[in-house]
Protein backbone atom coordinates (compact mmCIF):
# COMPACT_ATOMS: atom_id res chain seq x y z
CA UNK A 1 -5.16 -26.82 10.81
CA UNK A 2 -5.43 -25.05 7.48
CA UNK A 3 -4.47 -21.38 7.33
CA UNK A 4 -5.51 -19.04 4.54
CA UNK A 5 -3.58 -15.79 4.13
CA UNK A 6 -5.08 -13.04 1.97
CA UNK A 7 -2.11 -11.25 0.43
CA UNK A 8 -1.43 -9.79 -3.01
CA UNK A 9 2.29 -10.46 -2.68
CA UNK A 10 3.11 -13.95 -1.44
CA UNK A 11 6.84 -13.21 -1.53
CA UNK A 12 6.93 -10.28 0.89
CA UNK A 13 8.57 -10.80 4.27
CA UNK A 14 5.49 -10.83 6.51
CA UNK A 15 3.56 -13.31 4.36
CA UNK A 16 6.59 -15.59 3.94
CA UNK A 17 7.27 -15.63 7.67
CA UNK A 18 3.70 -16.53 8.51
CA UNK A 19 3.78 -19.38 5.99
CA UNK A 20 7.11 -20.63 7.42
CA UNK A 21 5.81 -20.73 10.97
CA UNK A 22 2.45 -22.26 9.98
CA UNK A 23 4.28 -25.12 8.27
CA UNK A 24 6.92 -25.47 11.00
CA UNK A 25 4.09 -26.07 13.49
CA UNK A 26 2.68 -28.87 11.31
CA UNK A 27 -0.20 -26.96 9.71
CA UNK A 28 -1.06 -26.21 6.07
CA UNK A 29 -0.64 -22.73 4.63
CA UNK A 30 -2.33 -21.33 1.54
CA UNK A 31 -1.88 -17.80 0.16
CA UNK A 32 -4.53 -16.21 -2.06
CA UNK A 33 -4.76 -12.87 -3.83
CA UNK A 34 -7.84 -11.24 -2.26
CA UNK A 35 -9.39 -10.65 -5.71
CA UNK A 36 -8.70 -14.16 -6.99
CA UNK A 37 -9.92 -16.37 -4.15
CA UNK A 38 -11.26 -19.73 -5.32
CA UNK A 39 -14.94 -20.24 -4.54
CA UNK A 40 -14.32 -23.61 -2.87
CA UNK A 41 -11.47 -22.47 -0.58
CA UNK A 42 -11.80 -23.48 3.08
CA UNK A 43 -9.72 -22.72 6.17
CA UNK A 44 -9.68 -23.02 9.92
CA UNK A 45 -7.96 -19.64 10.19
CA UNK A 46 -8.07 -16.69 7.80
CA UNK A 47 -5.38 -14.01 8.17
CA UNK A 48 -5.98 -10.85 6.09
CA UNK A 49 -2.83 -9.00 4.99
CA UNK A 50 -4.45 -6.13 3.10
CA UNK A 51 -2.52 -3.09 1.92
CA UNK A 52 -3.69 0.17 0.40
CA UNK A 53 -3.78 -1.01 -3.22
CA UNK A 54 -7.39 -1.72 -4.27
CA UNK A 55 -8.29 -1.69 -0.59
CA UNK A 56 -12.07 -1.58 -1.04
CA UNK A 57 -11.98 -4.60 -3.37
CA UNK A 58 -9.85 -6.49 -0.85
CA UNK A 59 -12.33 -5.69 1.93
CA UNK A 60 -15.20 -6.97 -0.20
CA UNK A 61 -13.37 -10.27 -0.67
CA UNK A 62 -12.70 -10.52 3.07
CA UNK A 63 -16.37 -9.86 3.82
CA UNK A 64 -17.48 -12.52 1.31
CA UNK A 65 -15.18 -15.11 2.88
CA UNK A 66 -16.27 -14.29 6.42
CA UNK A 67 -19.95 -14.64 5.51
CA UNK A 68 -19.38 -18.06 4.02
CA UNK A 69 -19.39 -21.19 6.16
CA UNK A 70 -15.98 -22.17 4.80
CA UNK A 71 -13.93 -20.11 7.30
CA UNK A 72 -13.92 -21.05 10.98
CA UNK A 73 -12.05 -18.03 12.43
CA UNK A 74 -10.62 -14.78 11.06
CA UNK A 75 -7.67 -13.16 12.79
CA UNK A 76 -8.55 -9.43 12.76
CA UNK A 77 -11.99 -9.75 11.16
CA UNK A 78 -14.20 -7.15 9.57
CA UNK A 79 -15.35 -4.67 10.78
CA UNK A 80 -12.51 -4.52 13.32
CA UNK A 81 -9.87 -4.50 10.58
CA UNK A 82 -11.46 -1.54 8.80
CA UNK A 83 -12.27 0.35 12.02
CA UNK A 84 -8.60 0.22 12.98
CA UNK A 85 -7.35 1.04 9.50
CA UNK A 86 -9.64 4.08 9.18
CA UNK A 87 -7.87 6.69 11.30
CA UNK A 88 -10.91 8.83 12.08
CA UNK A 89 -13.09 5.87 13.08
CA UNK A 90 -10.31 4.42 15.22
CA UNK A 91 -9.80 7.75 16.99
CA UNK A 92 -13.50 7.90 17.86
CA UNK A 93 -13.60 4.31 19.14
CA UNK A 94 -10.55 5.01 21.31
CA UNK A 95 -11.79 8.44 22.45
CA UNK A 96 -11.41 7.58 26.16
CA UNK A 97 -7.75 6.60 25.73
CA UNK A 98 -4.91 9.17 25.51
CA UNK A 99 -4.38 10.29 21.90
CA UNK A 100 -3.25 13.42 20.05
CA UNK A 101 -6.14 15.82 19.51
CA UNK A 102 -7.89 15.97 16.17
CA UNK A 103 -9.53 19.08 14.74
CA UNK A 104 -12.45 19.72 12.42
CA UNK A 105 -10.56 22.65 10.90
CA UNK A 106 -7.06 24.09 11.05
CA UNK A 107 -6.68 27.12 13.32
CA UNK A 108 -2.95 26.94 14.06
CA UNK A 109 0.30 25.47 12.76
CA UNK A 110 2.12 23.15 12.57
CA UNK A 111 -0.53 20.47 12.01
CA UNK A 112 -0.49 16.87 10.83
CA UNK A 113 -2.75 16.05 7.87
CA UNK A 114 -3.59 12.38 7.28
CA UNK A 115 -5.34 10.41 4.61
CA UNK A 116 -7.69 8.32 6.78
CA UNK A 117 -6.76 5.11 4.95
CA UNK A 118 -3.04 5.66 4.48
CA UNK A 119 -0.40 3.18 5.68
CA UNK A 120 3.39 2.93 6.12
CA UNK A 121 3.66 6.69 6.56
CA UNK A 122 2.31 7.46 3.10
CA UNK A 123 -0.46 10.05 2.95
CA UNK A 124 0.72 11.69 6.19
CA UNK A 125 2.01 15.28 6.04
CA UNK A 126 3.34 17.92 8.40
CA UNK A 127 2.10 21.36 7.35
CA UNK A 128 3.93 24.32 8.88
CA UNK A 129 1.90 27.12 7.32
CA UNK A 130 -1.17 27.89 5.21
CA UNK A 131 0.72 27.50 1.92
CA UNK A 132 1.89 23.98 2.80
CA UNK A 133 -1.63 23.10 3.96
CA UNK A 134 -3.16 24.22 0.66
CA UNK A 135 -0.63 22.17 -1.31
CA UNK A 136 -1.33 19.14 0.91
CA UNK A 137 -5.11 19.43 0.48
CA UNK A 138 -4.66 19.58 -3.30
CA UNK A 139 -2.58 16.39 -3.15
CA UNK A 140 -5.21 14.62 -1.03
CA UNK A 141 -8.18 15.89 -3.00
CA UNK A 142 -10.99 13.35 -3.02
CA UNK A 143 -9.64 11.51 0.04
CA UNK A 144 -11.16 11.53 3.51
CA UNK A 145 -8.69 13.30 5.77
CA UNK A 146 -8.19 14.36 9.37
CA UNK A 147 -6.22 17.14 11.03
CA UNK A 148 -4.17 15.97 13.98
CA UNK A 149 -2.18 17.71 16.68
CA UNK A 150 1.58 17.74 16.05
CA UNK A 151 3.54 16.41 19.05
CA UNK A 152 6.75 18.39 18.57
CA UNK A 153 8.73 16.76 21.37
CA UNK A 154 8.43 13.34 19.69
CA UNK A 155 9.30 14.44 16.14
CA UNK A 156 10.92 11.59 14.23
CA UNK A 157 10.54 9.09 17.06
CA UNK A 158 7.87 6.69 18.29
CA UNK A 159 7.32 3.26 19.82
CA UNK A 160 5.91 0.32 17.87
CA UNK A 161 4.22 -1.96 20.38
CA UNK A 162 3.24 -5.36 18.99
CA UNK A 163 0.21 -6.71 20.85
CA UNK A 164 -1.05 -10.30 20.50
CA UNK A 165 -4.17 -11.18 22.45
CA UNK A 166 -3.76 -9.99 26.04
CA UNK A 167 -0.03 -9.32 25.98
CA UNK A 168 2.70 -7.17 24.47
CA UNK A 169 4.92 -9.48 22.43
CA UNK A 170 7.65 -6.93 21.64
CA UNK A 171 8.38 -3.21 21.60
CA UNK A 172 10.84 -1.26 19.47
CA UNK A 173 11.64 2.44 19.38
CA UNK A 174 11.73 3.77 15.83
CA UNK A 175 13.69 6.82 14.75
CA UNK A 176 13.54 8.49 11.35
CA UNK A 177 16.67 8.71 9.21
CA UNK A 178 16.86 12.45 9.96
CA UNK A 179 14.61 13.54 12.83
CA UNK A 180 15.28 17.22 12.14
CA UNK A 181 13.72 17.04 8.67
CA UNK A 182 11.61 13.85 8.66
CA UNK A 183 8.88 13.66 11.31
CA UNK A 184 7.76 10.14 10.31
CA UNK A 185 9.66 7.27 11.91
CA UNK A 186 8.38 4.45 9.68
CA UNK A 187 11.01 1.82 8.89
CA UNK A 188 9.59 1.64 5.37
CA UNK A 189 10.71 5.26 4.93
CA UNK A 190 14.29 4.61 5.99
CA UNK A 191 13.95 4.77 9.75
CA UNK A 192 15.94 2.63 12.18
CA UNK A 193 14.98 1.00 15.45
CA UNK A 194 16.24 -0.38 18.75
CA UNK A 195 14.72 -2.78 21.26
CA UNK A 196 12.69 -0.82 23.81
CA UNK A 197 10.56 -1.33 26.89
CA UNK A 198 7.36 0.28 28.10
CA UNK A 199 5.88 0.80 31.54
CA UNK A 200 2.78 -0.87 32.93
CA UNK A 201 0.48 2.03 32.06
CA UNK A 202 1.72 2.14 28.47
CA UNK A 203 1.23 -1.61 28.17
CA UNK A 204 -2.29 -1.28 29.56
CA UNK A 205 -3.43 1.37 27.09
CA UNK A 206 -1.91 -0.49 24.11
CA UNK A 207 -3.66 -3.76 24.98
CA UNK A 208 -6.88 -1.87 25.74
CA UNK A 209 -6.74 -0.12 22.34
CA UNK A 210 -6.41 -3.43 20.51
CA UNK A 211 -9.29 -4.95 22.47
CA UNK A 212 -11.61 -1.96 22.00
CA UNK A 213 -11.12 -2.15 18.25
CA UNK A 214 -11.96 -5.85 18.32
CA UNK A 215 -8.57 -6.99 17.01
CA UNK A 216 -6.66 -10.16 17.80
CA UNK A 217 -3.24 -8.64 17.19
CA UNK A 218 -1.92 -5.27 16.04
CA UNK A 219 0.97 -2.86 15.96
CA UNK A 220 0.25 0.10 18.23
CA UNK A 221 2.19 3.30 17.54
CA UNK A 222 2.83 5.22 20.74
CA UNK A 223 4.53 8.59 21.34
CA UNK A 224 5.75 10.04 24.60
CA UNK A 225 4.62 13.62 25.04
CA UNK A 226 4.86 16.24 27.77
CA UNK A 227 1.40 15.22 28.96
CA UNK A 228 2.11 11.48 28.87
CA UNK A 229 2.11 8.65 26.36
CA UNK A 230 -0.34 8.96 23.46
CA UNK A 231 -1.65 6.41 20.97
CA UNK A 232 -0.95 7.60 17.42
CA UNK A 233 -2.41 4.69 15.46
CA UNK A 234 -3.33 1.01 15.69
CA UNK A 235 -2.24 -1.00 12.66
CA UNK A 236 -4.38 -4.14 12.02
CA UNK A 237 -1.88 -5.41 9.44
CA UNK A 238 1.51 -4.72 11.06
CA UNK A 239 4.68 -5.63 9.23
CA UNK A 240 6.81 -8.34 10.82
CA UNK A 241 10.24 -7.60 9.39
CA UNK A 242 11.18 -4.62 11.54
CA UNK A 243 9.77 -5.97 14.79
CA UNK A 244 11.46 -9.35 14.33
CA UNK A 245 14.78 -7.85 13.25
CA UNK A 246 15.10 -5.36 16.09
CA UNK A 247 13.48 -7.38 18.88
CA UNK A 248 15.12 -10.68 17.86
CA UNK A 249 11.83 -12.41 18.66
CA UNK A 250 9.85 -14.88 16.56
CA UNK A 251 6.70 -12.76 16.30
CA UNK A 252 5.26 -14.74 13.37
CA UNK A 253 5.31 -17.90 15.48
CA UNK A 254 3.57 -16.13 18.36
CA UNK A 255 0.79 -14.98 16.02
CA UNK A 256 0.25 -18.55 14.80
CA UNK A 257 0.35 -20.00 18.32
CA UNK A 258 -2.30 -17.45 19.32
CA UNK A 259 -4.41 -18.47 16.32
CA UNK A 260 -4.13 -22.11 17.39
CA UNK A 261 -5.34 -21.26 20.88
CA UNK A 262 -8.40 -19.27 19.79
CA UNK A 263 -9.51 -21.92 17.28
CA UNK A 264 -9.14 -24.71 19.82
CA UNK A 265 -10.99 -22.67 22.44
CA UNK A 266 -13.82 -22.04 19.95
CA UNK A 267 -14.00 -25.76 19.05
CA UNK A 268 -14.24 -26.79 22.71
CA UNK A 269 -17.17 -24.43 23.27
């Protein structure tokens, strides 16, 4: 099989690991910048690895490729990729699953303010009073935002649940470098992690969230609150470095094996 990975940075960990496992399984791997894709490129499997930089342009390239007859199967296709990435749209799609509340306007503090298209913890702020909120809104001027309930009992801690197809491949618990001052637990912001486990109900809602969004695989961020476990976000382009390091599992290989299975199933039909 031929795999095409859309990624601006071919040398970053996640892209490199996917290429390694594609080739180790006897397939061909090709990495393209989403804005520089050759018109004659073909692939059995397309894997978008799209970050926040020039996001709209990257989406346009993904859409163009999907509409062509040169790609057989996309892992996390449009519009599922964008629905998951856009925090407000994802919250609405998952409205029947347990999530923190979102508000149309701020009536009490503290409150979480999010850029709807942010990633890796960037564009996410904890506002403790009106002054902090005003400063945050100035910083996010021109961006689509949402106001989200702050789950105080989980400050600086969450679970990253990596779902592939119908199963949870690995779970880690992430903790911020200083939970007393940093509410975000992202590893990209200096957080650490340990191998963790989840119960059957938590596994069910994580897999259900990925399926409802129409994704093949994703990183589901889960927090444990006083009223039960809540889905914070579903990441359609989850990093592999942290989950592989702390779980000691070959997640990249599992993603590629899943891609093999769905392409072969499609071909047989």
